[in-house]
Amino acid sequence: MPVPVISVGNIVAGGVGKTEIVNLIADHLISQGKRVTVSTRGYGSSWEQRSGYATDFESAHTQKFPDEALVLLKKTPGVAVAVGKRRVDTLKRNWENLRPDVIILDDGFQHFSMNRQIDVLVHNFEIRNPLFRDFPFWFNRAGLRVAFSDVPAKLNNGPPWVRVNYRLKGVQKVNSKLESIPRTANVFCGIGNPNRIRSFLERNGVKVNAMKVFRDHQDYHLADIEGLKKWNEKNGEFPLVTTLKDAVKLRDYAQCMGGVSGFDPLWLDIGVEILDHKEYFWRKLNESVALASDSGGP
């Protein structure tokens, strides 16, 4: 591509925090005045084959864009998201409207049809028995390595691992109204690694009274909402808490948006903090952008 490309991905199936790292990088670049387009496949959604782009959450929600695109647009004002299986074609077709200064490939470590200036590999060594998509020795292929956990000594060689952690910024209703963080909650989600939500909440002083897990990328329907209400009643009627990835698909059902009476879940506003090698992380990213070609057209 004629502009810098940053790939963010992993080598295992399931959630290890790559979307949060995409948000972190996109926020940083936008604050520098860059026009940023995130390219994502839209796995399992109708947009995977249709392809298209969105520049704001409201229009993307109306057009039923996939959940990861909605999360990016909700958390990172100013970003554009291009969705489609054939990423290069999607970007070229919409280039004049997007006019990006930088492209970020979301889940791009195994996407070889587009050259990139740097690969950012995200991993969590605390996940037990992960399903690998690549060989672990490919850790060394990445230009930047990010870990949401401590790194085993035998793998802590070569370039430094940048250790990061989740940070609970607060909880919000689906209509973005800030709420107090509950002491006890009934939690539901449909994400790749649901156990991380339980452990994250407990580390932040929130007791998980009960937890209901849906499949990854769950497409919620009215029957699911009625089932969640009954499940919550059965388990003490504590505040219902979920992830933003789930909440973006629940907006039309929420009572505060004129939806189902008695259904008003909270979503976790989660950020990322860099624990060590912070200067190294941003220096490598800034260098990858600065050394690439100037903006042009495909």
Protein backbone atom coordinates (compact mmCIF):
# COMPACT_ATOMS: atom_id res chain seq x y z
CA MET A 1 0.00 0.00 0.00
CA PRO A 2 1.18 3.60 -0.57
CA VAL A 3 0.76 4.47 3.14
CA PRO A 4 2.19 2.86 6.29
CA VAL A 5 0.51 -0.38 7.38
CA ILE A 6 0.58 -1.62 10.99
CA SER A 7 -0.57 -5.18 11.56
CA VAL A 8 -1.96 -6.22 14.97
CA GLY A 9 -2.62 -9.91 15.49
CA ASN A 10 -1.97 -13.09 17.43
CA ILE A 11 -1.09 -16.75 16.92
CA VAL A 12 -3.97 -18.34 18.84
CA ALA A 13 -7.72 -18.57 18.34
CA GLY A 14 -9.70 -16.59 20.88
CA GLY A 15 -9.42 -13.27 22.63
CA VAL A 16 -6.01 -12.11 23.81
CA GLY A 17 -6.61 -8.34 23.71
CA LYS A 18 -5.66 -7.43 20.14
CA THR A 19 -8.70 -5.17 19.62
CA GLU A 20 -7.72 -3.16 22.70
CA ILE A 21 -4.21 -2.73 21.26
CA VAL A 22 -5.70 -1.59 17.94
CA ASN A 23 -7.69 1.03 19.89
CA LEU A 24 -4.57 2.14 21.75
CA ILE A 25 -2.54 2.58 18.55
CA ALA A 26 -5.39 4.26 16.63
CA ASP A 27 -5.95 6.76 19.46
CA HIS A 28 -2.23 7.60 19.48
CA LEU A 29 -2.07 8.17 15.72
CA ILE A 30 -5.27 10.23 15.62
CA SER A 31 -3.90 12.44 18.40
CA GLN A 32 -0.96 13.14 16.07
CA GLY A 33 -3.36 14.35 13.38
CA LYS A 34 -3.26 11.17 11.27
CA ARG A 35 -6.23 9.86 9.31
CA VAL A 36 -6.48 6.25 10.44
CA THR A 37 -8.37 3.41 8.77
CA VAL A 38 -8.65 0.06 10.52
CA SER A 39 -9.03 -2.84 8.10
CA THR A 40 -10.89 -5.83 9.52
CA ARG A 41 -12.31 -8.96 7.95
CA GLY A 42 -15.71 -8.96 9.69
CA TYR A 43 -15.48 -12.68 10.28
CA GLY A 44 -18.86 -14.45 10.24
CA SER A 45 -20.89 -11.35 9.37
CA SER A 46 -22.67 -10.43 6.14
CA TRP A 47 -20.13 -7.63 5.67
CA GLU A 48 -17.34 -10.19 5.24
CA GLN A 49 -18.60 -10.77 1.69
CA ARG A 50 -20.42 -7.46 1.06
CA SER A 51 -17.52 -5.25 2.19
CA GLY A 52 -17.77 -1.56 2.97
CA TYR A 53 -16.65 1.12 5.36
CA ALA A 54 -17.99 3.33 8.15
CA THR A 55 -16.70 6.47 9.84
CA ASP A 56 -19.12 6.80 12.77
CA PHE A 57 -20.83 4.47 15.21
CA GLU A 58 -24.43 5.55 14.56
CA SER A 59 -24.43 4.83 10.83
CA ALA A 60 -22.46 1.60 11.32
CA HIS A 61 -24.96 0.43 13.94
CA THR A 62 -27.88 1.21 11.62
CA GLN A 63 -26.18 -0.79 8.84
CA LYS A 64 -25.51 -3.70 11.25
CA PHE A 65 -21.73 -3.66 10.93
CA PRO A 66 -19.95 -6.50 12.79
CA ASP A 67 -19.29 -6.15 16.51
CA GLU A 68 -15.53 -5.53 16.35
CA ALA A 69 -16.04 -2.67 13.87
CA LEU A 70 -18.72 -1.17 16.14
CA VAL A 71 -16.40 -1.39 19.16
CA LEU A 72 -13.63 0.43 17.29
CA LEU A 73 -15.97 3.21 16.16
CA LYS A 74 -17.49 3.55 19.63
CA LYS A 75 -14.17 3.77 21.49
CA THR A 76 -12.07 5.71 18.98
CA PRO A 77 -13.75 8.83 17.60
CA GLY A 78 -12.17 9.87 14.32
CA VAL A 79 -11.25 6.38 13.14
CA ALA A 80 -12.62 4.81 9.95
CA VAL A 81 -13.23 1.07 9.67
CA ALA A 82 -13.10 -0.86 6.38
CA VAL A 83 -14.69 -4.33 6.55
CA GLY A 84 -14.37 -7.16 4.04
CA LYS A 85 -12.68 -10.50 3.46
CA ARG A 86 -10.67 -9.15 0.51
CA ARG A 87 -9.06 -6.31 2.42
CA VAL A 88 -6.92 -4.85 -0.37
CA ASP A 89 -9.90 -4.68 -2.73
CA THR A 90 -12.08 -3.08 -0.05
CA LEU A 91 -9.48 -0.40 0.64
CA LYS A 92 -8.83 0.35 -3.03
CA ARG A 93 -12.53 0.60 -3.84
CA ASN A 94 -13.11 3.13 -1.05
CA TRP A 95 -9.74 4.89 -1.15
CA GLU A 96 -10.95 8.31 -2.25
CA ASN A 97 -13.47 8.43 0.59
CA LEU A 98 -11.11 7.07 3.26
CA ARG A 99 -7.86 8.83 2.22
CA PRO A 100 -5.91 7.22 5.10
CA ASP A 101 -2.50 8.32 6.32
CA VAL A 102 -2.08 5.00 8.15
CA ILE A 103 -3.79 1.61 7.86
CA ILE A 104 -4.08 -0.74 10.83
CA LEU A 105 -4.77 -4.39 10.05
CA ASP A 106 -6.93 -5.82 12.84
CA ASP A 107 -6.12 -9.52 13.23
CA GLY A 108 -3.58 -9.24 10.44
CA PHE A 109 -0.71 -11.51 11.51
CA GLN A 110 -1.83 -14.27 9.10
CA HIS A 111 -2.98 -11.86 6.37
CA PHE A 112 -0.19 -11.94 3.79
CA SER A 113 -1.78 -10.16 0.80
CA MET A 114 -0.82 -6.75 2.18
CA ASN A 115 2.71 -5.71 3.01
CA ARG A 116 3.18 -4.03 6.38
CA GLN A 117 5.81 -1.85 8.00
CA ILE A 118 5.52 -3.62 11.35
CA ASP A 119 3.77 -6.64 12.89
CA VAL A 120 2.50 -6.17 16.44
CA LEU A 121 1.97 -9.59 18.01
CA VAL A 122 -0.32 -9.79 21.06
CA HIS A 123 -0.33 -12.77 23.43
CA ASN A 124 -1.43 -13.83 26.89
CA PHE A 125 0.65 -16.61 28.41
CA GLU A 126 -1.94 -17.20 31.14
CA ILE A 127 -4.37 -18.81 28.68
CA ARG A 128 -4.29 -22.55 29.28
CA ASN A 129 -4.24 -24.98 26.34
CA PRO A 130 -4.73 -22.35 23.62
CA LEU A 131 -5.63 -23.38 20.08
CA PHE A 132 -2.63 -22.24 18.03
CA ARG A 133 -3.04 -20.76 14.56
CA ASP A 134 0.75 -20.53 14.07
CA PHE A 135 3.85 -22.10 15.56
CA PRO A 136 5.05 -20.43 18.79
CA PHE A 137 8.50 -19.82 17.27
CA TRP A 138 6.78 -17.24 15.08
CA PHE A 139 6.88 -14.97 18.13
CA ASN A 140 10.25 -13.91 16.70
CA ARG A 141 8.72 -12.79 13.40
CA ALA A 142 7.00 -9.83 15.01
CA GLY A 143 8.49 -6.35 15.06
CA LEU A 144 6.76 -5.66 18.38
CA ARG A 145 5.69 -8.23 20.95
CA VAL A 146 2.97 -7.35 23.48
CA ALA A 147 2.01 -9.54 26.45
CA PHE A 148 -1.07 -9.25 28.68
CA SER A 149 0.76 -11.39 31.26
CA ASP A 150 4.18 -12.25 32.58
CA VAL A 151 6.44 -13.85 29.95
CA PRO A 152 8.04 -17.27 30.61
CA ALA A 153 11.81 -16.98 31.01
CA LYS A 154 12.49 -19.39 28.13
CA LEU A 155 10.60 -17.10 25.73
CA ASN A 156 11.88 -13.82 27.12
CA ASN A 157 14.76 -13.49 24.69
CA GLY A 158 15.40 -11.26 21.70
CA PRO A 159 13.53 -7.94 21.46
CA PRO A 160 11.74 -7.00 24.69
CA TRP A 161 8.17 -8.00 25.35
CA VAL A 162 6.04 -4.94 26.07
CA ARG A 163 3.89 -5.87 29.05
CA VAL A 164 0.45 -4.30 29.25
CA ASN A 165 -2.59 -4.65 31.45
CA TYR A 166 -6.30 -3.88 31.33
CA ARG A 167 -7.55 -0.87 33.26
CA LEU A 168 -11.17 -0.47 34.37
CA LYS A 169 -12.18 3.08 33.51
CA GLY A 170 -15.80 2.62 34.62
CA VAL A 171 -19.13 1.13 33.56
CA GLN A 172 -21.77 2.62 31.30
CA LYS A 173 -25.28 1.87 30.21
CA VAL A 174 -25.90 1.05 26.57
CA ASN A 175 -26.81 4.70 25.98
CA SER A 176 -23.34 5.67 27.32
CA LYS A 177 -24.62 7.04 30.62
CA LEU A 178 -21.91 6.64 33.28
CA GLU A 179 -22.85 4.49 36.27
CA SER A 180 -21.23 3.50 39.57
CA ILE A 181 -19.18 0.30 39.45
CA PRO A 182 -21.24 -2.40 41.23
CA ARG A 183 -19.76 -4.43 44.10
CA THR A 184 -21.52 -7.60 42.88
CA ALA A 185 -22.73 -8.42 39.38
CA ASN A 186 -24.23 -11.10 37.19
CA VAL A 187 -22.05 -11.22 34.10
CA PHE A 188 -22.79 -12.42 30.57
CA CYS A 189 -20.72 -12.23 27.39
CA GLY A 190 -20.02 -13.77 24.00
CA ILE A 191 -16.28 -13.32 23.49
CA GLY A 192 -13.32 -15.52 22.63
CA ASN A 193 -11.92 -15.76 26.17
CA PRO A 194 -14.74 -15.22 28.70
CA ASN A 195 -12.64 -16.25 31.71
CA ARG A 196 -10.60 -13.06 31.44
CA ILE A 197 -13.72 -11.00 32.22
CA ARG A 198 -14.32 -12.88 35.48
CA SER A 199 -10.71 -12.57 36.62
CA PHE A 200 -10.53 -8.92 35.54
CA LEU A 201 -13.64 -7.97 37.51
CA GLU A 202 -12.49 -9.82 40.60
CA ARG A 203 -9.11 -8.08 40.45
CA ASN A 204 -10.99 -4.79 40.41
CA GLY A 205 -13.10 -5.59 43.45
CA VAL A 206 -16.29 -6.73 41.69
CA LYS A 207 -17.69 -10.06 42.87
CA VAL A 208 -19.07 -12.20 40.03
CA ASN A 209 -22.21 -13.77 41.49
CA ALA A 210 -23.10 -15.74 38.34
CA MET A 211 -21.80 -15.89 34.77
CA LYS A 212 -23.52 -16.84 31.51
CA VAL A 213 -21.37 -17.48 28.43
CA PHE A 214 -22.61 -17.24 24.85
CA ARG A 215 -20.68 -18.22 21.74
CA ASP A 216 -18.13 -15.77 20.37
CA HIS A 217 -19.71 -13.01 18.23
CA GLN A 218 -23.16 -13.91 19.59
CA ASP A 219 -25.97 -12.35 17.55
CA TYR A 220 -28.54 -11.57 20.24
CA HIS A 221 -32.28 -11.99 19.66
CA LEU A 222 -35.36 -11.20 21.76
CA ALA A 223 -35.44 -14.77 23.12
CA ASP A 224 -31.89 -14.27 24.45
CA ILE A 225 -32.92 -11.06 26.20
CA GLU A 226 -35.94 -12.68 27.84
CA GLY A 227 -33.72 -15.59 28.86
CA LEU A 228 -31.18 -13.21 30.40
CA LYS A 229 -33.89 -11.47 32.41
CA LYS A 230 -35.10 -14.79 33.84
CA TRP A 231 -31.54 -15.91 34.50
CA ASN A 232 -30.82 -12.68 36.36
CA GLU A 233 -33.98 -13.03 38.48
CA LYS A 234 -32.98 -16.60 39.34
CA ASN A 235 -29.54 -15.42 40.43
CA GLY A 236 -30.48 -12.61 42.78
CA GLU A 237 -31.21 -9.75 40.36
CA PHE A 238 -27.79 -8.14 40.64
CA PRO A 239 -26.70 -5.57 38.03
CA LEU A 240 -26.21 -7.20 34.63
CA VAL A 241 -22.70 -6.52 33.31
CA THR A 242 -21.27 -7.34 29.90
CA THR A 243 -18.52 -6.30 27.48
CA LEU A 244 -18.67 -3.47 24.94
CA LYS A 245 -18.40 -6.10 22.19
CA ASP A 246 -21.75 -7.49 23.42
CA ALA A 247 -23.30 -4.13 24.34
CA VAL A 248 -23.04 -2.70 20.82
CA LYS A 249 -25.42 -5.45 19.67
CA LEU A 250 -27.86 -4.94 22.56
CA ARG A 251 -28.66 -1.28 22.09
CA ASP A 252 -32.11 -1.76 20.55
CA TYR A 253 -33.13 -4.10 23.38
CA ALA A 254 -32.06 -1.85 26.28
CA GLN A 255 -34.83 -0.21 28.31
CA CYS A 256 -32.95 3.11 28.34
CA MET A 257 -33.19 3.12 24.54
CA GLY A 258 -36.91 2.28 24.49
CA GLY A 259 -36.38 -1.48 24.33
CA VAL A 260 -37.33 -4.32 26.69
CA SER A 261 -38.61 -3.30 30.12
CA GLY A 262 -36.28 -4.32 32.93
CA PHE A 263 -33.29 -4.96 30.64
CA ASP A 264 -30.60 -2.30 31.11
CA PRO A 265 -27.16 -3.95 31.15
CA LEU A 266 -23.91 -2.15 31.97
CA TRP A 267 -20.84 -2.49 29.80
CA LEU A 268 -17.26 -2.38 30.97
CA ASP A 269 -15.25 0.61 29.76
CA ILE A 270 -11.80 -1.00 29.63
CA GLY A 271 -8.56 0.70 28.68
CA VAL A 272 -4.98 -0.51 28.36
CA GLU A 273 -1.95 0.69 30.30
CA ILE A 274 1.63 -0.07 29.31
CA LEU A 275 3.55 -1.43 32.30
CA ASP A 276 7.07 -1.51 30.89
CA HIS A 277 9.04 -0.65 27.73
CA LYS A 278 6.56 2.14 27.01
CA GLU A 279 9.08 4.39 25.25
CA TYR A 280 10.31 1.44 23.19
CA PHE A 281 6.75 0.60 22.11
CA TRP A 282 5.91 4.07 20.85
CA ARG A 283 9.34 4.63 19.32
CA LYS A 284 9.07 1.44 17.22
CA LEU A 285 5.58 2.35 16.05
CA ASN A 286 6.49 5.95 15.24
CA GLU A 287 9.57 4.79 13.32
CA SER A 288 7.51 2.32 11.28
CA VAL A 289 5.16 5.13 10.27
CA ALA A 290 7.87 7.72 9.61
CA LEU A 291 10.01 5.44 7.45
CA ALA A 292 7.12 4.43 5.18
CA SER A 293 6.16 6.16 1.95
CA ASP A 294 4.13 9.34 1.92
CA SER A 295 0.39 9.16 1.28
CA GLY A 296 -0.72 8.63 -2.28
CA GLY A 297 -3.26 6.44 -4.03
CA PRO A 298 -3.37 2.71 -4.60
